[in-house]
Protein backbone atom coordinates (compact mmCIF):
# COMPACT_ATOMS: atom_id res chain seq x y z
CA MET A 1 -0.46 0.40 0.15
CA ASP A 2 2.46 2.74 -0.80
CA SER A 3 1.24 6.36 -1.13
CA GLY A 4 4.32 8.20 -2.05
CA ASN A 5 5.36 11.10 -0.11
CA SER A 6 2.34 12.73 0.44
CA CYS A 7 3.40 12.91 4.46
CA ASP A 8 5.89 12.52 6.64
CA TYR A 9 6.11 10.04 9.68
CA SER A 10 7.89 11.16 12.51
CA TRP A 11 8.42 10.45 16.22
CA VAL A 12 4.93 12.55 16.93
CA ASP A 13 3.46 9.96 14.96
CA LEU A 14 4.63 7.03 16.73
CA VAL A 15 4.46 8.62 20.68
CA PHE A 16 0.95 9.00 19.80
CA THR A 17 0.35 5.53 18.13
CA VAL A 18 1.69 4.51 21.71
CA LEU A 19 -0.05 6.55 23.99
CA GLY A 20 -3.17 5.76 21.51
CA VAL A 21 -2.91 1.69 22.24
CA CYS A 22 -2.11 2.85 26.35
CA THR A 23 -5.33 4.48 26.51
CA PHE A 24 -7.35 1.73 25.25
CA LEU A 25 -5.78 -0.59 27.31
CA PHE A 26 -6.21 1.93 30.16
CA ASP A 27 -9.96 1.97 29.01
CA LEU A 28 -10.16 -1.21 28.90
CA GLY A 29 -9.38 -2.06 32.21
CA ALA A 30 -11.02 0.07 33.84
CA ASP A 31 -14.05 -1.39 32.60
CA LEU A 32 -13.21 -4.55 33.26
CA TRP A 33 -12.67 -3.43 36.74
CA VAL A 34 -15.52 -1.58 37.01
CA ALA A 35 -17.62 -5.33 35.82
CA ALA A 36 -15.59 -7.07 38.78
CA GLU A 37 -16.88 -4.63 41.44
CA PHE A 38 -20.36 -4.80 40.38
CA TYR A 39 -19.93 -8.79 40.62
CA LEU A 40 -18.54 -8.57 43.86
CA TYR A 41 -21.12 -6.34 45.32
CA GLY A 42 -23.75 -8.38 43.79
CA ASP A 43 -25.50 -6.02 41.05
CA TYR A 44 -25.59 -8.48 38.24
CA PHE A 45 -27.40 -6.59 36.61
CA TRP A 46 -25.52 -3.32 35.91
CA PHE A 47 -22.42 -5.68 35.45
CA GLY A 48 -23.94 -7.47 32.95
CA ILE A 49 -24.61 -4.02 31.01
CA VAL A 50 -20.97 -3.37 31.71
CA LEU A 51 -20.13 -6.43 30.13
CA SER A 52 -22.43 -5.67 26.94
CA PHE A 53 -21.11 -2.49 26.32
CA VAL A 54 -17.53 -3.73 25.87
CA PHE A 55 -18.22 -6.96 24.22
CA VAL A 56 -20.74 -4.68 21.67
CA SER A 57 -18.03 -2.29 21.15
CA SER A 58 -15.41 -5.09 20.59
CA ALA A 59 -17.90 -6.64 18.00
CA LEU A 60 -18.57 -3.71 15.72
CA LEU A 61 -14.31 -2.50 15.78
CA GLN A 62 -13.30 -6.29 14.77
CA MET A 63 -16.07 -6.16 12.40
CA PHE A 64 -14.88 -3.11 10.61
CA SER A 65 -11.60 -4.05 10.77
CA TRP A 66 -12.60 -7.22 9.07
CA PHE A 67 -14.02 -5.11 6.46
CA TRP A 68 -10.76 -3.07 6.06
CA TYR A 69 -8.40 -5.63 5.85
CA LYS A 70 -10.61 -7.72 3.85
CA TYR A 71 -10.86 -4.69 0.99
CA ASP A 72 -6.80 -3.61 1.46
CA THR A 73 -5.60 -7.31 0.90
CA LYS A 74 -7.13 -7.20 -2.61
CA LEU A 75 -5.07 -4.17 -3.91
CA GLU A 76 -2.83 -4.74 -6.71
CA ASN A 77 -0.03 -2.86 -4.52
CA PHE A 78 -0.52 -4.46 -1.58
CA ASN A 79 2.91 -5.42 0.20
CA PRO A 80 2.91 -6.90 4.15
CA GLN A 81 6.01 -4.83 5.57
CA THR A 82 6.07 -5.93 9.07
CA THR A 83 6.93 -9.42 10.74
CA THR A 84 3.68 -9.13 12.19
CA GLU A 85 1.57 -8.77 9.25
CA THR A 86 4.22 -11.09 7.25
CA LEU A 87 3.43 -14.16 9.78
CA LEU A 88 -0.58 -13.48 8.84
CA LEU A 89 -1.04 -12.35 5.33
CA ALA A 90 2.13 -13.63 3.42
CA ASN A 91 3.19 -16.49 1.59
CA ASN A 92 -0.15 -18.07 0.87
CA ASP A 93 -3.08 -17.02 -1.74
CA ASN A 94 -5.64 -14.56 -0.80
CA GLY A 95 -8.39 -17.36 0.82
CA GLY A 96 -5.60 -18.07 3.38
CA ARG A 97 -4.75 -14.86 3.78
CA CYS A 98 -8.61 -14.32 4.97
CA ASP A 99 -9.18 -17.30 6.91
CA ARG A 100 -5.99 -16.04 9.01
CA LEU A 101 -7.30 -12.50 9.41
CA LYS A 102 -11.27 -14.13 9.88
CA LEU A 103 -9.74 -16.30 12.96
CA VAL A 104 -7.34 -13.33 14.35
CA HIS A 105 -11.04 -10.95 14.32
CA VAL A 106 -13.46 -13.56 15.93
CA PHE A 107 -10.58 -13.99 18.92
CA GLN A 108 -11.48 -9.97 18.99
CA LEU A 109 -8.10 -9.38 18.07
CA GLY A 110 -7.83 -7.47 14.67
CA PHE A 111 -7.88 -4.34 16.32
CA LEU A 112 -4.38 -5.16 18.90
CA LEU A 113 -3.40 -6.59 15.77
CA ARG A 114 -3.50 -3.21 13.93
CA TYR A 115 -2.11 -1.37 16.70
CA VAL A 116 0.82 -4.30 16.99
CA THR A 117 1.84 -3.15 13.20
CA ALA A 118 1.37 0.40 13.42
CA ILE A 119 3.95 0.49 16.23
CA GLU A 120 6.34 -1.94 14.57
CA GLN A 121 6.05 -0.13 11.26
CA GLY A 122 6.30 3.40 12.81
CA PHE A 123 9.67 2.38 14.15
CA HIS A 124 11.00 0.79 11.79
CA VAL A 125 10.18 3.96 9.23
CA TRP A 126 10.99 6.63 12.11
CA TRP A 127 14.09 5.20 14.08
CA LYS A 128 15.24 2.50 11.70
CA LYS A 129 14.36 4.13 8.39
CA ARG A 130 13.96 1.07 6.53
CA ASN A 131 10.68 1.62 4.85
CA GLU A 132 8.73 4.87 3.10
CA PRO A 133 6.19 6.47 6.09
CA GLY A 134 3.01 5.47 3.53
CA HIS A 135 2.62 2.08 5.09
CA ALA A 136 2.57 3.70 8.25
CA ILE A 137 0.55 6.43 7.86
CA TYR A 138 -2.16 4.62 6.50
CA LEU A 139 -2.02 2.51 9.36
CA THR A 140 -2.42 5.08 11.77
CA HIS A 141 -5.24 6.69 9.64
CA ASP A 142 -7.26 3.40 10.29
CA LEU A 143 -6.18 3.38 13.92
CA SER A 144 -7.85 6.98 14.11
CA MET A 145 -11.43 6.05 12.82
CA LEU A 146 -11.47 2.58 14.98
CA ARG A 147 -10.92 4.31 18.21
CA LEU A 148 -13.49 7.31 16.93
CA PHE A 149 -15.75 4.42 16.65
CA GLU A 150 -14.96 2.95 20.04
CA ALA A 151 -15.35 6.33 22.18
CA PHE A 152 -18.93 6.78 21.09
CA SER A 153 -20.11 2.90 21.06
CA GLU A 154 -18.43 2.21 24.53
CA SER A 155 -16.81 5.18 26.27
CA THR A 156 -19.45 7.74 26.11
CA PRO A 157 -22.36 5.17 26.82
CA GLN A 158 -20.09 3.89 29.53
CA LEU A 159 -20.07 7.84 30.96
CA THR A 160 -23.12 8.32 30.31
CA LEU A 161 -24.02 4.91 32.82
CA MET A 162 -21.50 5.60 35.05
CA LEU A 163 -23.33 9.02 35.89
CA TYR A 164 -26.68 7.98 35.70
CA ILE A 165 -25.68 4.86 38.72
CA ILE A 166 -23.64 8.39 40.92
CA ILE A 167 -26.76 10.22 39.99
CA HIS A 168 -29.37 7.43 41.24
CA ASN A 169 -27.42 6.39 44.28
CA ASN A 170 -26.37 9.96 45.36
CA LYS A 171 -23.09 8.82 46.05
CA ALA A 172 -20.34 7.76 44.00
CA GLU A 173 -17.62 4.79 44.70
CA THR A 174 -13.88 4.63 43.60
CA PHE A 175 -13.97 2.41 40.75
CA GLN A 176 -17.22 4.73 39.26
CA CYS A 177 -14.50 7.91 39.34
CA VAL A 178 -11.82 5.70 38.03
CA SER A 179 -14.56 4.57 35.03
CA ILE A 180 -15.32 8.17 34.40
CA ALA A 181 -11.70 9.07 34.13
CA ALA A 182 -11.17 6.98 31.88
CA CYS A 183 -14.06 7.36 29.61
CA PHE A 184 -13.22 11.02 29.41
CA ILE A 185 -9.49 10.30 28.54
CA SER A 186 -10.49 7.84 25.83
CA ILE A 187 -12.97 10.37 24.04
CA ALA A 188 -10.37 13.37 24.55
CA TRP A 189 -7.83 10.92 23.10
CA MET A 190 -10.69 10.29 20.25
CA VAL A 191 -10.99 13.97 19.54
CA LEU A 192 -7.72 14.53 19.73
CA GLU A 193 -6.16 12.34 17.32
CA TYR A 194 -9.14 12.70 14.99
CA HIS A 195 -8.74 15.97 14.06
CA ARG A 196 -4.46 15.79 14.33
CA LEU A 197 -4.73 13.09 11.52
CA LEU A 198 -7.42 15.02 9.52
CA ARG A 199 -4.90 17.83 9.10
CA ALA A 200 -2.27 15.17 8.11
CA PHE A 201 -4.34 15.55 4.30
CA LEU A 202 -3.06 19.18 4.39
CA PRO A 203 0.55 19.47 2.76
CA GLU A 204 1.35 22.49 4.84
CA LYS A 205 -0.42 20.96 8.30
CA ASN A 206 3.32 22.41 9.63
CA LYS A 207 2.02 25.28 9.90
CA LEU A 208 -1.10 25.33 11.15
CA GLY A 209 0.17 25.28 14.54
CA TYR A 210 -1.62 23.40 18.57
CA SER A 211 -3.92 26.28 19.06
CA SER A 212 -6.74 24.60 16.12
CA SER A 213 -6.39 21.16 17.79
CA VAL A 214 -6.86 22.65 21.51
CA VAL A 215 -9.90 24.75 20.19
CA TYR A 216 -11.40 21.73 18.33
CA PHE A 217 -10.56 19.55 21.31
CA LEU A 218 -12.30 22.04 23.71
CA TRP A 219 -15.90 22.72 21.57
CA ASN A 220 -16.46 18.56 20.92
CA LEU A 221 -15.60 18.21 24.84
CA LEU A 222 -18.03 20.84 25.76
CA LEU A 223 -20.83 19.92 23.71
CA ILE A 224 -20.52 16.53 24.26
CA ALA A 225 -20.68 16.71 27.97
CA PRO A 226 -24.19 18.64 28.76
CA ARG A 227 -25.59 16.13 25.59
CA VAL A 228 -24.08 13.16 28.36
CA GLY A 229 -25.51 14.97 31.29
CA ALA A 230 -28.70 15.52 30.00
CA VAL A 231 -29.45 11.66 28.87
CA ALA A 232 -27.95 10.29 32.61
CA LEU A 233 -30.21 12.69 33.96
CA PHE A 234 -33.32 11.66 32.44
CA THR A 235 -32.27 8.17 33.01
CA SER A 236 -32.27 8.68 36.87
CA ILE A 237 -35.68 9.05 36.55
CA PHE A 238 -37.17 6.49 33.54
CA PRO A 239 -34.78 4.29 33.63
CA PRO A 240 -36.87 2.35 31.36
CA TYR A 241 -37.86 4.80 29.14
CA ILE A 242 -34.27 5.41 27.90
CA GLY A 243 -33.81 2.48 25.55
CA LEU A 244 -36.77 3.06 23.85
CA HIS A 245 -35.49 7.24 23.36
CA PHE A 246 -32.72 5.73 22.01
CA LEU A 247 -34.15 3.51 19.41
CA LEU A 248 -36.20 5.95 18.25
CA LEU A 249 -33.94 8.67 17.64
CA TRP A 250 -30.98 6.19 16.08
CA ALA A 251 -33.58 4.60 13.50
CA ALA A 252 -34.17 8.01 12.71
CA LEU A 253 -30.82 8.99 12.19
CA LEU A 254 -29.97 6.31 10.76
CA LEU A 255 -32.49 7.19 8.10
CA TRP A 256 -30.82 10.49 8.17
CA ALA A 257 -27.36 9.15 7.10
CA TRP A 258 -28.64 6.79 4.39
CA ALA A 259 -30.88 10.01 3.08
CA GLN A 260 -27.06 11.55 3.10
CA HIS A 261 -25.77 8.56 0.48
CA THR A 262 -22.43 8.39 2.31
CA ASP A 263 -19.99 6.41 0.26
CA PHE A 264 -16.92 5.36 2.94
CA MET A 265 -16.79 1.48 2.68
CA GLU A 266 -16.21 -0.42 0.10
CA SER A 267 -19.14 -2.88 -0.40
CA GLY A 268 -23.14 -2.44 0.40
CA PRO A 269 -23.45 -4.49 4.26
CA GLY A 270 -20.09 -2.42 4.83
CA GLU A 271 -21.96 0.89 4.28
CA TRP A 272 -25.25 0.29 5.93
CA LEU A 273 -22.80 -0.47 9.13
CA TYR A 274 -20.86 2.73 8.77
CA ARG A 275 -24.17 3.96 8.87
CA THR A 276 -25.33 2.43 11.78
CA MET A 277 -22.35 3.37 13.51
CA VAL A 278 -23.05 7.29 12.23
CA ALA A 279 -26.38 7.02 13.59
CA LEU A 280 -24.60 5.89 17.03
CA ILE A 281 -22.32 8.74 16.98
CA TRP A 282 -25.08 11.37 16.29
CA TYR A 283 -26.82 10.29 19.06
CA PHE A 284 -24.08 12.14 21.46
CA SER A 285 -22.18 14.52 18.91
CA TRP A 286 -22.23 15.65 15.00
CA PHE A 287 -20.24 14.44 12.70
CA ASN A 288 -20.53 14.87 9.40
CA VAL A 289 -20.12 12.53 6.52
CA ALA A 290 -20.96 13.98 3.32
CA GLU A 291 -20.06 17.66 1.60
CA GLY A 292 -22.00 20.34 0.33
CA GLY A 293 -24.59 21.88 1.99
CA THR A 294 -22.99 21.21 5.63
CA MET A 295 -23.90 24.10 7.30
CA GLY A 296 -27.31 23.76 6.95
CA ARG A 297 -27.15 20.38 8.08
CA SER A 298 -25.42 20.89 11.26
CA LEU A 299 -27.88 23.82 12.07
CA ILE A 300 -30.23 21.15 11.76
CA TYR A 301 -28.88 18.52 13.50
CA HIS A 302 -27.67 20.95 16.92
CA THR A 303 -31.60 22.84 16.76
CA PHE A 304 -32.80 19.57 17.04
CA MET A 305 -30.19 17.51 19.83
CA ALA A 306 -30.94 20.93 21.90
CA ALA A 307 -34.36 20.36 21.79
CA ASP A 308 -34.47 16.80 22.42
CA SER A 309 -31.66 17.63 25.24
CA GLY A 310 -34.11 20.51 26.86
CA ILE A 311 -36.97 17.94 27.02
CA LEU A 312 -34.86 15.28 28.69
CA LEU A 313 -33.34 18.37 31.27
CA GLY A 314 -37.17 19.62 31.26
CA THR A 315 -38.82 15.70 32.60
CA TRP A 316 -36.33 15.06 35.01
CA TYR A 317 -36.61 19.04 36.60
CA TRP A 318 -40.58 18.09 37.08
CA TYR A 319 -40.36 14.81 38.17
CA ARG A 320 -36.87 14.20 40.15
CA ASP A 321 -36.89 14.69 43.96
CA PRO A 322 -36.52 17.86 45.34
CA LEU A 323 -35.20 17.22 48.72
CA VAL A 324 -32.96 15.15 46.56
CA THR A 325 -31.58 17.35 44.37
CA ASP A 326 -32.76 21.24 45.23
CA HIS A 327 -29.04 21.75 46.55
CA TYR A 328 -27.63 21.48 43.36
CA VAL A 329 -30.24 21.58 40.43
CA LEU A 330 -29.37 25.39 39.98
CA PRO A 331 -25.76 24.92 39.44
CA LEU A 332 -26.14 21.79 37.41
CA LEU A 333 -29.04 23.25 34.75
CA LEU A 334 -26.35 26.50 34.74
CA ALA A 335 -23.22 24.67 34.00
CA LEU A 336 -25.13 22.03 31.75
CA LEU A 337 -26.38 25.43 29.48
CA ALA A 338 -23.03 27.36 29.93
CA SER A 339 -20.98 24.11 28.45
CA TYR A 340 -23.35 23.65 25.53
CA LEU A 341 -23.28 27.79 24.22
CA LEU A 342 -19.52 27.87 25.03
CA GLY A 343 -18.98 24.70 23.05
CA LEU A 344 -21.75 26.74 20.26
CA LEU A 345 -19.24 29.66 20.58
CA LEU A 346 -15.64 28.11 20.29
CA LYS A 347 -17.32 25.79 17.06
CA VAL A 348 -18.01 29.28 15.24
CA THR A 349 -14.74 30.69 16.30
CA TYR A 350 -12.91 27.14 15.08
CA TYR A 351 -14.34 27.84 11.74
CA LYS A 352 -13.97 31.45 11.34
CA LEU A 353 -10.39 31.66 12.51
CA PHE A 354 -8.74 28.70 12.57
CA HIS A 355 -10.40 26.12 9.88
CA PRO A 356 -7.85 26.38 6.83
CA LYS A 357 -9.98 27.11 3.14
CA ILE A 358 -9.17 24.32 0.76
CA TRP A 359 -9.80 23.72 -3.68
CA GLN A 360 -9.60 20.86 -5.29
CA PRO A 361 -9.09 20.54 -8.48
CA VAL A 362 -12.31 19.11 -10.87
CA PHE A 363 -12.05 16.87 -13.68
CA ARG A 364 -13.98 16.67 -16.60
CA ALA A 365 -16.73 14.03 -16.92
CA GLY A 366 -16.08 10.90 -17.58
CA GLU A 367 -12.34 11.45 -16.86
CA ASP A 368 -11.03 8.16 -14.65
CA VAL A 369 -9.96 9.32 -11.53
CA PRO A 370 -8.48 6.54 -8.99
CA ASP A 371 -10.72 6.82 -5.96
CA ASN A 372 -7.31 6.14 -4.12
CA LEU A 373 -6.32 9.73 -4.88
CA VAL A 374 -7.40 12.04 -2.74
CA TYR A 375 -6.44 16.00 -3.43
CA ARG A 376 -6.20 19.03 -0.37
CA SER A 377 -3.83 21.95 -1.08
CA LEU A 378 -4.23 25.26 1.29
CA SER A 379 -4.38 27.50 -2.22
CA PRO A 380 -4.61 26.66 -5.80
CA THR A 381 -0.53 26.98 -6.35
CA ASP A 382 -0.10 24.49 -3.98
CA ALA A 383 1.61 20.91 -4.98
CA LEU A 384 -1.38 18.49 -4.92
CA PRO A 385 -0.44 15.53 -3.00
CA SER A 386 -2.07 12.44 -3.39
CA VAL A 387 -2.86 9.82 -0.09
CA ILE A 388 -4.38 6.54 -0.13
CA ASN A 389 -6.15 5.80 2.49
CA LYS A 390 -9.41 6.87 0.93
CA ARG A 391 -11.59 6.06 4.31
CA MET A 392 -9.93 9.11 6.16
CA GLY A 393 -9.93 10.83 2.77
CA ALA A 394 -12.80 10.60 2.39
CA LEU A 395 -13.70 12.17 6.09
CA ALA A 396 -11.12 14.81 5.17
CA ASN A 397 -12.91 15.59 2.40
CA SER A 398 -15.90 15.86 4.07
CA PHE A 399 -14.32 17.69 6.64
CA TYR A 400 -12.54 20.53 5.00
CA PHE A 401 -14.81 22.70 2.70
CA SER A 402 -13.36 23.81 -0.14
CA SER A 403 -14.15 25.69 -3.52
CA SER A 404 -13.34 24.23 -7.04
CA MET A 405 -10.49 24.78 -9.09
CA PRO A 406 -10.13 24.30 -12.60
CA ALA A 407 -7.35 23.60 -14.68
CA GLY A 408 -4.82 26.76 -14.88
CA GLY A 409 -5.25 27.42 -10.97
CA LYS A 410 -7.99 29.70 -11.08
CA THR A 411 -11.07 29.28 -8.69
CA ASN A 412 -14.91 29.83 -9.75
CA GLY A 413 -15.80 31.83 -6.80
CA ASN A 414 -18.29 29.73 -5.61
CA GLU A 415 -17.06 28.42 -2.06
CA ARG A 416 -18.99 25.75 -0.37
CA ASN A 417 -20.14 26.11 3.08
CA ALA A 418 -18.52 25.48 6.32
CA THR A 419 -18.20 21.83 7.78
CA LEU A 420 -19.72 22.76 10.52
């Protein structure tokens, strides 16, 4: 999977990959500790819920990883470059490759396999200077997407559950606080790493500085926190109905993802799996999945979710126990409102001041353009690099707004809306 020299791979990338697997293992260890504590306390229902979050999330990650490996091994230029990949993927026909990969994913080890190969490949690129950086970058891009999926399919629901239990019991155990910290670390790391790797699709990423990542990180956390809080508070008074609320809203969001004609995976079943994940992410946070008119979609989403969260909070306020909640209800509601408004303000600030304007070339109708090439440039005069990972490239294509650039380097002046 050669990608040329579109991007550099440095020790920072290797450190981020190593820290990524550390945060994942810490999060997983915290989940297993929480499950064990619930079991020892005799809370078998919560024990089962925590384990179900872990197993469902793991199964989803393995499915995505399997789909991507299956596609990648069929590429003509696929060449195993690490010891781990060679043992699993080389010296056999494609069927043998798929059989070994399938077995690894059945045992829920596909995600860790990607981390092992990414760290090994990154070490060879940065320290020993043996390999080109393209394959290492490719691997880290896929890991970023998988961590994004893991954060919203396991860490965010787990965080909501822990907050609900603390609110319901009106006390916090040590293991619950550790779980909350682990979930916040996982979500925060996902946000930061996802933004950093999307920036890698820009050839002048080093000129952008760290301020944009800080602002991007803050507005995401400030918008996610009140949403999680609203769901947890509603659940504390109507536990049976939160499942119905989630299913109805998730189904509506799934239809909305389908209506946007997403094109992320390489097969129909894979695309529907991706849409189910997008709908799950949308339940907690905005995630752009399509080009064009994204400002309108973002406004629709934020308006709808603000109304939904307001209904959840209003219901909780009306049916809460005043004797238990009166001493903190007003500060809590003000904090959630302030977090949401500040998050929106920082989001607008980000797109006004930190989000780069970029251009993409326009190809003539009928021209054969390789689907594994994604072009990005900060100005019409910059060189246009190629990045082979079309999955992350498609998301970068949706994330960064652009105006069309015809041959000759002159823009047509028709800018698309910013992808809020």
